[in-house]
C-alpha atoms as a PDB file:
ATOM      1  CA  MET A   1     135.815  83.873 111.698  1.00  0.00           C
ATOM      2  CA  GLU A   2     137.190  80.411 110.975  1.00  0.00           C
ATOM      3  CA  HIS A   3     135.014  77.407 110.172  1.00  0.00           C
ATOM      4  CA  ILE A   4     132.543  79.407 108.027  1.00  0.00           C
ATOM      5  CA  GLU A   5     132.455  76.639 105.436  1.00  0.00           C
ATOM      6  CA  LYS A   6     131.445  74.100 108.071  1.00  0.00           C
ATOM      7  CA  VAL A   7     128.642  76.387 109.252  1.00  0.00           C
ATOM      8  CA  GLU A   8     127.495  76.853 105.653  1.00  0.00           C
ATOM      9  CA  ALA A   9     127.441  73.076 105.214  1.00  0.00           C
ATOM     10  CA  ILE A  10     125.015  72.817 108.124  1.00  0.00           C
ATOM     11  CA  VAL A  11     122.502  75.554 107.251  1.00  0.00           C
ATOM     12  CA  GLY A  12     123.268  76.335 103.610  1.00  0.00           C
ATOM     13  CA  LYS A  13     125.325  79.204 102.274  1.00  0.00           C
ATOM     14  CA  GLU A  14     122.190  81.309 101.755  1.00  0.00           C
ATOM     15  CA  ASN A  15     121.575  81.284 105.522  1.00  0.00           C
ATOM     16  CA  VAL A  16     124.964  82.711 106.497  1.00  0.00           C
ATOM     17  CA  ARG A  17     125.827  86.422 106.480  1.00  0.00           C
ATOM     18  CA  THR A  18     129.395  87.661 106.868  1.00  0.00           C
ATOM     19  CA  ASP A  19     129.409  91.147 105.325  1.00  0.00           C
ATOM     20  CA  LEU A  20     129.827  94.096 107.671  1.00  0.00           C
ATOM     21  CA  VAL A  21     126.433  95.702 107.030  1.00  0.00           C
ATOM     22  CA  ASP A  22     124.540  92.554 108.005  1.00  0.00           C
ATOM     23  CA  ARG A  23     126.726  92.030 111.052  1.00  0.00           C
ATOM     24  CA  LEU A  24     126.178  95.622 112.203  1.00  0.00           C
ATOM     25  CA  CYS A  25     122.416  95.107 111.886  1.00  0.00           C
ATOM     26  CA  TYR A  26     122.759  92.387 114.515  1.00  0.00           C
ATOM     27  CA  SER A  27     125.037  94.405 116.784  1.00  0.00           C
ATOM     28  CA  ARG A  28     122.204  96.150 118.649  1.00  0.00           C
ATOM     29  CA  ASP A  29     118.926  95.400 120.360  1.00  0.00           C
ATOM     30  CA  MET A  30     116.684  98.025 122.011  1.00  0.00           C
ATOM     31  CA  SER A  31     119.250  98.628 124.756  1.00  0.00           C
ATOM     32  CA  ILE A  32     122.212 101.003 124.763  1.00  0.00           C
ATOM     33  CA  HIS A  33     124.682  98.138 124.357  1.00  0.00           C
ATOM     34  CA  GLN A  34     126.507  96.890 121.283  1.00  0.00           C
ATOM     35  CA  GLY A  35     128.254  93.708 120.210  1.00  0.00           C
ATOM     36  CA  VAL A  36     129.237  92.890 116.643  1.00  0.00           C
ATOM     37  CA  PRO A  37     129.051  89.193 115.620  1.00  0.00           C
ATOM     38  CA  ASP A  38     131.632  87.610 113.370  1.00  0.00           C
ATOM     39  CA  VAL A  39     128.851  85.935 111.420  1.00  0.00           C
ATOM     40  CA  VAL A  40     125.044  85.856 111.358  1.00  0.00           C
ATOM     41  CA  VAL A  41     123.448  82.431 110.950  1.00  0.00           C
ATOM     42  CA  PHE A  42     119.783  81.666 110.307  1.00  0.00           C
ATOM     43  CA  ALA A  43     118.699  78.323 111.750  1.00  0.00           C
ATOM     44  CA  ARG A  44     115.544  76.644 110.442  1.00  0.00           C
ATOM     45  CA  SER A  45     115.292  73.539 112.597  1.00  0.00           C
ATOM     46  CA  ARG A  46     116.320  71.946 115.878  1.00  0.00           C
ATOM     47  CA  ASP A  47     118.740  69.660 114.061  1.00  0.00           C
ATOM     48  CA  GLU A  48     120.575  72.621 112.548  1.00  0.00           C
ATOM     49  CA  VAL A  49     120.852  74.229 115.990  1.00  0.00           C
ATOM     50  CA  VAL A  50     122.243  70.965 117.380  1.00  0.00           C
ATOM     51  CA  GLU A  51     124.931  70.740 114.694  1.00  0.00           C
ATOM     52  CA  ILE A  52     125.949  74.379 115.088  1.00  0.00           C
ATOM     53  CA  VAL A  53     126.229  73.989 118.861  1.00  0.00           C
ATOM     54  CA  LYS A  54     128.330  70.845 118.486  1.00  0.00           C
ATOM     55  CA  LEU A  55     130.637  72.653 116.073  1.00  0.00           C
ATOM     56  CA  ALA A  56     130.930  75.587 118.477  1.00  0.00           C
ATOM     57  CA  LYS A  57     131.828  73.219 121.294  1.00  0.00           C
ATOM     58  CA  GLU A  58     134.477  71.513 119.196  1.00  0.00           C
ATOM     59  CA  LYS A  59     136.021  74.683 117.738  1.00  0.00           C
ATOM     60  CA  ARG A  60     135.516  76.843 120.852  1.00  0.00           C
ATOM     61  CA  PHE A  61     133.614  79.841 119.495  1.00  0.00           C
ATOM     62  CA  PRO A  62     130.644  81.573 121.156  1.00  0.00           C
ATOM     63  CA  ILE A  63     126.986  81.463 120.077  1.00  0.00           C
ATOM     64  CA  VAL A  64     124.314  83.975 121.058  1.00  0.00           C
ATOM     65  CA  PRO A  65     120.717  82.994 120.201  1.00  0.00           C
ATOM     66  CA  ARG A  66     118.509  85.825 119.009  1.00  0.00           C
ATOM     67  CA  GLY A  67     114.830  86.361 118.286  1.00  0.00           C
ATOM     68  CA  SER A  68     113.436  89.686 117.102  1.00  0.00           C
ATOM     69  CA  GLY A  69     115.998  91.748 119.008  1.00  0.00           C
ATOM     70  CA  THR A  70     113.431  93.828 120.912  1.00  0.00           C
ATOM     71  CA  SER A  71     114.933  93.207 124.360  1.00  0.00           C
ATOM     72  CA  LEU A  72     116.198  96.033 126.540  1.00  0.00           C
ATOM     73  CA  THR A  73     118.929  94.043 128.278  1.00  0.00           C
ATOM     74  CA  GLY A  74     121.613  93.465 125.652  1.00  0.00           C
ATOM     75  CA  ALA A  75     121.260  89.712 126.148  1.00  0.00           C
ATOM     76  CA  ALA A  76     120.882  89.089 122.400  1.00  0.00           C
ATOM     77  CA  LEU A  77     124.214  90.739 121.581  1.00  0.00           C
ATOM     78  CA  PRO A  78     127.411  88.784 120.786  1.00  0.00           C
ATOM     79  CA  CYS A  79     129.760  90.897 122.891  1.00  0.00           C
ATOM     80  CA  LEU A  80     132.571  88.360 122.416  1.00  0.00           C
ATOM     81  CA  GLY A  81     131.982  87.904 118.704  1.00  0.00           C
ATOM     82  CA  GLY A  82     131.191  84.488 117.275  1.00  0.00           C
ATOM     83  CA  ILE A  83     127.777  83.560 115.875  1.00  0.00           C
ATOM     84  CA  ALA A  84     124.564  85.552 116.189  1.00  0.00           C
ATOM     85  CA  LEU A  85     122.113  82.675 115.790  1.00  0.00           C
ATOM     86  CA  ASP A  86     118.877  84.059 114.374  1.00  0.00           C
ATOM     87  CA  LEU A  87     115.897  81.805 115.233  1.00  0.00           C
ATOM     88  CA  THR A  88     113.153  83.866 113.587  1.00  0.00           C
ATOM     89  CA  ARG A  89     112.804  81.384 110.716  1.00  0.00           C
ATOM     90  CA  MET A  90     111.799  78.708 113.216  1.00  0.00           C
ATOM     91  CA  ASN A  91     108.334  80.230 113.349  1.00  0.00           C
ATOM     92  CA  ARG A  92     105.828  77.394 113.117  1.00  0.00           C
ATOM     93  CA  ILE A  93     102.799  77.033 115.353  1.00  0.00           C
ATOM     94  CA  LYS A  94     102.928  73.248 115.606  1.00  0.00           C
ATOM     95  CA  GLU A  95      99.752  72.608 117.563  1.00  0.00           C
ATOM     96  CA  ILE A  96      96.765  74.499 118.955  1.00  0.00           C
ATOM     97  CA  ASN A  97      94.747  72.495 121.473  1.00  0.00           C
ATOM     98  CA  ARG A  98      91.779  74.592 122.564  1.00  0.00           C
ATOM     99  CA  LYS A  99      90.170  71.715 124.431  1.00  0.00           C
ATOM    100  CA  ASP A 100      93.131  71.331 126.803  1.00  0.00           C
ATOM    101  CA  ASP A 101      94.207  74.996 126.606  1.00  0.00           C
ATOM    102  CA  TYR A 102      97.753  74.722 125.253  1.00  0.00           C
ATOM    103  CA  VAL A 103      99.826  75.417 122.136  1.00  0.00           C
ATOM    104  CA  VAL A 104     103.153  74.089 120.868  1.00  0.00           C
ATOM    105  CA  VAL A 105     105.301  76.638 119.044  1.00  0.00           C
ATOM    106  CA  GLU A 106     108.800  77.213 117.717  1.00  0.00           C
ATOM    107  CA  PRO A 107     110.826  80.065 119.269  1.00  0.00           C
ATOM    108  CA  GLY A 108     110.525  82.426 116.303  1.00  0.00           C
ATOM    109  CA  VAL A 109     106.729  82.704 116.485  1.00  0.00           C
ATOM    110  CA  ILE A 110     105.700  86.335 117.053  1.00  0.00           C
ATOM    111  CA  CYS A 111     103.506  86.992 120.095  1.00  0.00           C
ATOM    112  CA  GLN A 112     100.833  88.911 118.166  1.00  0.00           C
ATOM    113  CA  GLU A 113     100.749  86.296 115.405  1.00  0.00           C
ATOM    114  CA  LEU A 114     100.131  83.621 118.023  1.00  0.00           C
ATOM    115  CA  ASN A 115      97.224  85.608 119.421  1.00  0.00           C
ATOM    116  CA  ASN A 116      95.882  86.157 115.905  1.00  0.00           C
ATOM    117  CA  ALA A 117      95.904  82.386 115.384  1.00  0.00           C
ATOM    118  CA  LEU A 118      94.157  81.828 118.723  1.00  0.00           C
ATOM    119  CA  ALA A 119      91.418  84.418 118.142  1.00  0.00           C
ATOM    120  CA  PRO A 120      88.558  84.776 118.689  1.00  0.00           C
ATOM    121  CA  ASP A 121      88.106  82.268 121.506  1.00  0.00           C
ATOM    122  CA  HIS A 122      91.541  82.001 123.205  1.00  0.00           C
ATOM    123  CA  PHE A 123      94.574  84.173 123.910  1.00  0.00           C
ATOM    124  CA  PHE A 124      98.140  84.081 125.263  1.00  0.00           C
ATOM    125  CA  PRO A 125      98.051  86.584 128.158  1.00  0.00           C
ATOM    126  CA  PRO A 126     101.603  88.055 128.427  1.00  0.00           C
ATOM    127  CA  ASP A 127     101.503  91.373 126.546  1.00  0.00           C
ATOM    128  CA  PRO A 128     104.837  93.210 126.291  1.00  0.00           C
ATOM    129  CA  ALA A 129     104.767  96.565 124.519  1.00  0.00           C
ATOM    130  CA  SER A 130     106.666  94.898 121.667  1.00  0.00           C
ATOM    131  CA  ALA A 131     104.031  92.129 121.213  1.00  0.00           C
ATOM    132  CA  ALA A 132     103.682  92.937 117.510  1.00  0.00           C
ATOM    133  CA  LEU A 133     107.394  92.200 117.000  1.00  0.00           C
ATOM    134  CA  CYS A 134     108.787  90.082 119.842  1.00  0.00           C
ATOM    135  CA  SER A 135     109.297  86.332 119.536  1.00  0.00           C
ATOM    136  CA  ILE A 136     108.108  83.673 121.952  1.00  0.00           C
ATOM    137  CA  GLY A 137     111.671  82.429 122.474  1.00  0.00           C
ATOM    138  CA  GLY A 138     112.768  85.894 123.528  1.00  0.00           C
ATOM    139  CA  MET A 139     109.746  86.282 125.799  1.00  0.00           C
ATOM    140  CA  ILE A 140     110.637  83.051 127.575  1.00  0.00           C
ATOM    141  CA  SER A 141     114.309  83.966 127.818  1.00  0.00           C
ATOM    142  CA  THR A 142     113.496  87.304 129.473  1.00  0.00           C
ATOM    143  CA  ASN A 143     110.304  86.240 131.299  1.00  0.00           C
ATOM    144  CA  ALA A 144     108.471  89.034 129.492  1.00  0.00           C
ATOM    145  CA  SER A 145     105.259  90.570 130.751  1.00  0.00           C
ATOM    146  CA  GLY A 146     103.286  93.772 130.194  1.00  0.00           C
ATOM    147  CA  ASN A 147     100.334  95.775 131.484  1.00  0.00           C
ATOM    148  CA  ARG A 148      98.270  92.634 132.056  1.00  0.00           C
ATOM    149  CA  ALA A 149     100.822  91.217 134.507  1.00  0.00           C
ATOM    150  CA  ILE A 150      98.822  92.722 137.365  1.00  0.00           C
ATOM    151  CA  LYS A 151      96.168  90.020 136.840  1.00  0.00           C
ATOM    152  CA  TYR A 152      97.644  87.456 134.472  1.00  0.00           C
ATOM    153  CA  GLY A 153     101.276  87.306 135.555  1.00  0.00           C
ATOM    154  CA  THR A 154     104.313  86.862 133.309  1.00  0.00           C
ATOM    155  CA  THR A 155     105.509  84.421 130.661  1.00  0.00           C
ATOM    156  CA  LYS A 156     106.699  81.881 133.245  1.00  0.00           C
ATOM    157  CA  ASP A 157     103.106  81.460 134.435  1.00  0.00           C
ATOM    158  CA  TYR A 158     102.136  80.085 131.003  1.00  0.00           C
ATOM    159  CA  LEU A 159     105.124  77.871 130.365  1.00  0.00           C
ATOM    160  CA  LYS A 160     104.320  74.146 130.453  1.00  0.00           C
ATOM    161  CA  GLY A 161     107.345  72.624 128.734  1.00  0.00           C
ATOM    162  CA  LEU A 162     110.422  73.247 126.603  1.00  0.00           C
ATOM    163  CA  GLU A 163     112.697  71.603 124.105  1.00  0.00           C
ATOM    164  CA  VAL A 164     116.227  72.931 124.675  1.00  0.00           C
ATOM    165  CA  VAL A 165     119.618  72.365 123.037  1.00  0.00           C
ATOM    166  CA  LEU A 166     122.316  72.402 125.708  1.00  0.00           C
ATOM    167  CA  ALA A 167     125.902  73.606 125.224  1.00  0.00           C
ATOM    168  CA  SER A 168     126.963  69.992 124.616  1.00  0.00           C
ATOM    169  CA  GLY A 169     124.539  69.659 121.699  1.00  0.00           C
ATOM    170  CA  GLU A 170     122.309  67.371 123.749  1.00  0.00           C
ATOM    171  CA  VAL A 171     118.558  67.916 123.363  1.00  0.00           C
ATOM    172  CA  ILE A 172     116.370  67.766 126.464  1.00  0.00           C
ATOM    173  CA  ARG A 173     112.630  68.069 126.941  1.00  0.00           C
ATOM    174  CA  THR A 174     111.242  69.534 130.124  1.00  0.00           C
ATOM    175  CA  GLY A 175     107.807  69.913 131.688  1.00  0.00           C
ATOM    176  CA  THR A 176     104.515  68.126 131.195  1.00  0.00           C
ATOM    177  CA  LEU A 177     101.026  68.665 129.844  1.00  0.00           C
ATOM    178  CA  ALA A 178      99.597  67.751 133.240  1.00  0.00           C
ATOM    179  CA  PRO A 179      97.955  70.684 135.092  1.00  0.00           C
ATOM    180  CA  LYS A 180     100.271  70.089 138.053  1.00  0.00           C
ATOM    181  CA  THR A 181     103.370  68.021 138.710  1.00  0.00           C
ATOM    182  CA  SER A 182     105.942  67.869 141.515  1.00  0.00           C
ATOM    183  CA  THR A 183     108.176  65.194 140.043  1.00  0.00           C
ATOM    184  CA  GLY A 184     111.854  66.106 139.963  1.00  0.00           C
ATOM    185  CA  TYR A 185     113.491  69.465 139.393  1.00  0.00           C
ATOM    186  CA  ASP A 186     111.566  72.285 137.714  1.00  0.00           C
ATOM    187  CA  LEU A 187     113.912  72.617 134.758  1.00  0.00           C
ATOM    188  CA  THR A 188     111.295  74.372 132.638  1.00  0.00           C
ATOM    189  CA  HIS A 189     111.304  77.483 134.785  1.00  0.00           C
ATOM    190  CA  LEU A 190     115.070  77.318 135.240  1.00  0.00           C
ATOM    191  CA  PHE A 191     115.436  78.194 131.549  1.00  0.00           C
ATOM    192  CA  CYS A 192     112.796  80.931 131.759  1.00  0.00           C
ATOM    193  CA  GLY A 193     114.560  84.253 132.287  1.00  0.00           C
ATOM    194  CA  ALA A 194     118.020  82.752 131.699  1.00  0.00           C
ATOM    195  CA  GLU A 195     118.462  84.905 128.558  1.00  0.00           C
ATOM    196  CA  GLY A 196     119.934  82.060 126.534  1.00  0.00           C
ATOM    197  CA  THR A 197     122.822  81.347 128.915  1.00  0.00           C
ATOM    198  CA  LEU A 198     121.739  77.791 129.801  1.00  0.00           C
ATOM    199  CA  GLY A 199     120.627  76.523 126.412  1.00  0.00           C
ATOM    200  CA  ILE A 200     118.885  77.375 123.158  1.00  0.00           C
ATOM    201  CA  ILE A 201     115.100  76.991 123.166  1.00  0.00           C
ATOM    202  CA  THR A 202     113.845  75.243 120.032  1.00  0.00           C
ATOM    203  CA  GLU A 203     110.241  74.515 121.054  1.00  0.00           C
ATOM    204  CA  ALA A 204     107.808  75.639 123.749  1.00  0.00           C
ATOM    205  CA  THR A 205     104.517  74.327 125.067  1.00  0.00           C
ATOM    206  CA  LEU A 206     102.425  77.192 126.404  1.00  0.00           C
ATOM    207  CA  ARG A 207      99.222  77.469 128.389  1.00  0.00           C
ATOM    208  CA  ILE A 208      96.484  79.581 126.816  1.00  0.00           C
ATOM    209  CA  LEU A 209      93.241  80.962 128.245  1.00  0.00           C
ATOM    210  CA  PRO A 210      89.693  81.491 126.965  1.00  0.00           C
ATOM    211  CA  VAL A 211      88.981  85.098 125.968  1.00  0.00           C
ATOM    212  CA  PRO A 212      87.032  86.914 128.723  1.00  0.00           C
ATOM    213  CA  GLU A 213      83.336  87.426 128.101  1.00  0.00           C
ATOM    214  CA  TYR A 214      83.481  91.193 128.633  1.00  0.00           C
ATOM    215  CA  VAL A 215      86.222  93.840 128.725  1.00  0.00           C
ATOM    216  CA  ALA A 216      85.917  97.443 129.920  1.00  0.00           C
ATOM    217  CA  PHE A 217      88.541 100.193 129.690  1.00  0.00           C
ATOM    218  CA  ALA A 218      88.583 103.427 131.718  1.00  0.00           C
ATOM    219  CA  GLN A 219      90.403 106.741 131.438  1.00  0.00           C
ATOM    220  CA  MET A 220      90.215 108.523 134.804  1.00  0.00           C
ATOM    221  CA  SER A 221      91.359 112.154 135.210  1.00  0.00           C
ATOM    222  CA  PHE A 222      92.822 113.715 138.357  1.00  0.00           C
ATOM    223  CA  LYS A 223      94.302 117.104 139.251  1.00  0.00           C
ATOM    224  CA  THR A 224      97.382 115.600 140.909  1.00  0.00           C
ATOM    225  CA  ILE A 225      99.443 112.441 140.694  1.00  0.00           C
ATOM    226  CA  GLU A 226      98.954 111.959 144.430  1.00  0.00           C
ATOM    227  CA  GLU A 227      95.178 111.708 144.005  1.00  0.00           C
ATOM    228  CA  ALA A 228      95.574 109.284 141.115  1.00  0.00           C
ATOM    229  CA  GLY A 229      98.002 107.186 143.147  1.00  0.00           C
ATOM    230  CA  ASP A 230      95.620 107.086 146.106  1.00  0.00           C
ATOM    231  CA  ALA A 231      92.785 105.991 143.818  1.00  0.00           C
ATOM    232  CA  ALA A 232      94.916 103.267 142.221  1.00  0.00           C
ATOM    233  CA  THR A 233      95.990 102.006 145.642  1.00  0.00           C
ATOM    234  CA  GLU A 234      92.427 101.768 146.917  1.00  0.00           C
ATOM    235  CA  ILE A 235      91.207 100.062 143.748  1.00  0.00           C
ATOM    236  CA  LEU A 236      94.029  97.520 143.821  1.00  0.00           C
ATOM    237  CA  THR A 237      93.478  96.715 147.501  1.00  0.00           C
ATOM    238  CA  SER A 238      89.688  96.555 147.292  1.00  0.00           C
ATOM    239  CA  GLY A 239      89.508  93.115 145.721  1.00  0.00           C
ATOM    240  CA  ILE A 240      88.714  94.358 142.214  1.00  0.00           C
ATOM    241  CA  GLY A 241      90.654  92.208 139.745  1.00  0.00           C
ATOM    242  CA  LEU A 242      92.132  94.767 137.358  1.00  0.00           C
ATOM    243  CA  SER A 243      93.546  93.244 134.193  1.00  0.00           C
ATOM    244  CA  SER A 244      95.626  96.362 133.453  1.00  0.00           C
ATOM    245  CA  CYS A 245      96.655  99.538 135.280  1.00  0.00           C
ATOM    246  CA  GLU A 246      98.814 102.391 134.001  1.00  0.00           C
ATOM    247  CA  ILE A 247      99.406 105.937 135.230  1.00  0.00           C
ATOM    248  CA  PHE A 248     100.328 109.006 133.135  1.00  0.00           C
ATOM    249  CA  ASP A 249     101.798 112.028 134.908  1.00  0.00           C
ATOM    250  CA  ARG A 250     101.719 115.527 133.440  1.00  0.00           C
ATOM    251  CA  VAL A 251     105.062 115.086 131.697  1.00  0.00           C
ATOM    252  CA  SER A 252     103.712 112.025 129.870  1.00  0.00           C
ATOM    253  CA  ILE A 253     100.489 113.862 129.026  1.00  0.00           C
ATOM    254  CA  ASP A 254     102.459 116.747 127.486  1.00  0.00           C
ATOM    255  CA  VAL A 255     104.439 114.308 125.347  1.00  0.00           C
ATOM    256  CA  VAL A 256     101.247 112.618 124.112  1.00  0.00           C
ATOM    257  CA  ASN A 257      99.591 115.961 123.430  1.00  0.00           C
ATOM    258  CA  LYS A 258     102.570 117.097 121.362  1.00  0.00           C
ATOM    259  CA  ALA A 259     103.021 113.842 119.459  1.00  0.00           C
ATOM    260  CA  MET A 260      99.381 112.927 118.872  1.00  0.00           C
ATOM    261  CA  GLY A 261      97.439 116.162 119.326  1.00  0.00           C
ATOM    262  CA  MET A 262      95.209 114.680 122.018  1.00  0.00           C
ATOM    263  CA  GLY A 263      94.272 118.049 123.461  1.00  0.00           C
ATOM    264  CA  ILE A 264      94.187 116.921 127.092  1.00  0.00           C
ATOM    265  CA  PRO A 265      93.540 120.152 129.073  1.00  0.00           C
ATOM    266  CA  ASP A 266      96.067 121.725 131.416  1.00  0.00           C
ATOM    267  CA  HIS A 267      93.973 121.240 134.556  1.00  0.00           C
ATOM    268  CA  VAL A 268      94.392 117.452 134.204  1.00  0.00           C
ATOM    269  CA  GLY A 269      97.527 116.654 136.170  1.00  0.00           C
ATOM    270  CA  CYS A 270      97.380 112.872 135.883  1.00  0.00           C
ATOM    271  CA  LEU A 271      95.546 110.138 133.983  1.00  0.00           C
ATOM    272  CA  LEU A 272      94.827 106.658 135.274  1.00  0.00           C
ATOM    273  CA  PHE A 273      94.130 103.955 132.676  1.00  0.00           C
ATOM    274  CA  LEU A 274      92.363 100.832 133.913  1.00  0.00           C
ATOM    275  CA  GLU A 275      91.093  97.656 132.308  1.00  0.00           C
ATOM    276  CA  ILE A 276      88.836  95.009 133.836  1.00  0.00           C
ATOM    277  CA  ASP A 277      87.539  91.816 132.277  1.00  0.00           C
ATOM    278  CA  GLY A 278      85.404  88.816 133.156  1.00  0.00           C
ATOM    279  CA  HIS A 279      81.669  88.043 133.269  1.00  0.00           C
ATOM    280  CA  ARG A 280      79.571  90.996 132.143  1.00  0.00           C
ATOM    281  CA  VAL A 281      77.524  91.303 135.358  1.00  0.00           C
ATOM    282  CA  VAL A 282      80.632  91.210 137.550  1.00  0.00           C
ATOM    283  CA  VAL A 283      82.445  93.789 135.395  1.00  0.00           C
ATOM    284  CA  LYS A 284      79.447  96.145 135.558  1.00  0.00           C
ATOM    285  CA  GLU A 285      79.475  95.922 139.360  1.00  0.00           C
ATOM    286  CA  GLN A 286      83.224  96.599 139.422  1.00  0.00           C
ATOM    287  CA  ILE A 287      82.772  99.685 137.231  1.00  0.00           C
ATOM    288  CA  GLU A 288      80.420 101.179 139.812  1.00  0.00           C
ATOM    289  CA  LYS A 289      82.875 100.432 142.627  1.00  0.00           C
ATOM    290  CA  ILE A 290      85.748 102.004 140.689  1.00  0.00           C
ATOM    291  CA  ASN A 291      83.699 105.124 139.947  1.00  0.00           C
ATOM    292  CA  ALA A 292      82.843 105.466 143.647  1.00  0.00           C
ATOM    293  CA  ILE A 293      86.505 105.138 144.643  1.00  0.00           C
ATOM    294  CA  GLY A 294      87.493 107.689 142.024  1.00  0.00           C
ATOM    295  CA  ARG A 295      84.991 110.232 143.324  1.00  0.00           C
ATOM    296  CA  ARG A 296      86.241 109.778 146.888  1.00  0.00           C
ATOM    297  CA  ARG A 297      89.817 110.339 145.712  1.00  0.00           C
ATOM    298  CA  GLY A 298      89.225 113.554 143.768  1.00  0.00           C
ATOM    299  CA  MET A 299      88.493 112.251 140.272  1.00  0.00           C
ATOM    300  CA  ILE A 300      87.510 115.072 137.922  1.00  0.00           C
ATOM    301  CA  GLY A 301      86.386 112.913 135.011  1.00  0.00           C
ATOM    302  CA  VAL A 302      86.049 109.331 133.780  1.00  0.00           C
ATOM    303  CA  GLN A 303      85.365 107.747 130.417  1.00  0.00           C
ATOM    304  CA  TRP A 304      84.510 104.047 129.963  1.00  0.00           C
ATOM    305  CA  ASP A 305      84.755 102.098 126.726  1.00  0.00           C
END
């Protein structure tokens, strides 16, 4: 790729990788797709991102921003070559405001590390399976969610504002700290789920929540997947606010038994995993309602933790 020296002048030679091994390491995410960059660049600040984008505009080469590379969509892959712009070194938690329930973070902050910093009194609800590895910038770009989406929604529901570098190199700030605003276009959520195609996120202001008083987790056993599905449907439509719901058919059970030696017996055809949270008294009442629904729907066993 041309213009390497100009890129090195912006971020420092130590933050530029051009050898084939490094470039191949950035040619995949968790999808089946592949795209090899011409160069890998590590940005450490908004100003560096701005200068790289301006250079790309002037010299007409592509940039693909990248976080931890845990996505399943191929959106982090430079299929047309150019720069793979790694933002994982922009990983500062700039502000935690527990009083007003928000945080300000850079895009390279890891989801689990954010929750570690918020513990024990607050948490950031979106919980993708890759929470221990995925970056906040990537979560915003893909509108990530997880098992808790059934109650808490997805990343867009916790997005209050962004700092974004546009393709021109211009920096814009979107959103507000106000609980609600209807002024102008909702640019904040326009960038959420855009997978980096509209701009490069360099800062995010996120809503956080107090940790629930009480959490209960259930493993419910059924003979058939139909019975488990009927139970899940009745629970979900009964007004009980599940914070997580997941179903394991017999194929999944066999895989878990083989990999982890769980010893789940053959007569169990399906497992239903549920989580509820909230005030202790309310959760206890919901446990009794769930147990009653399970018994009506053919439940053969239940374990609460």
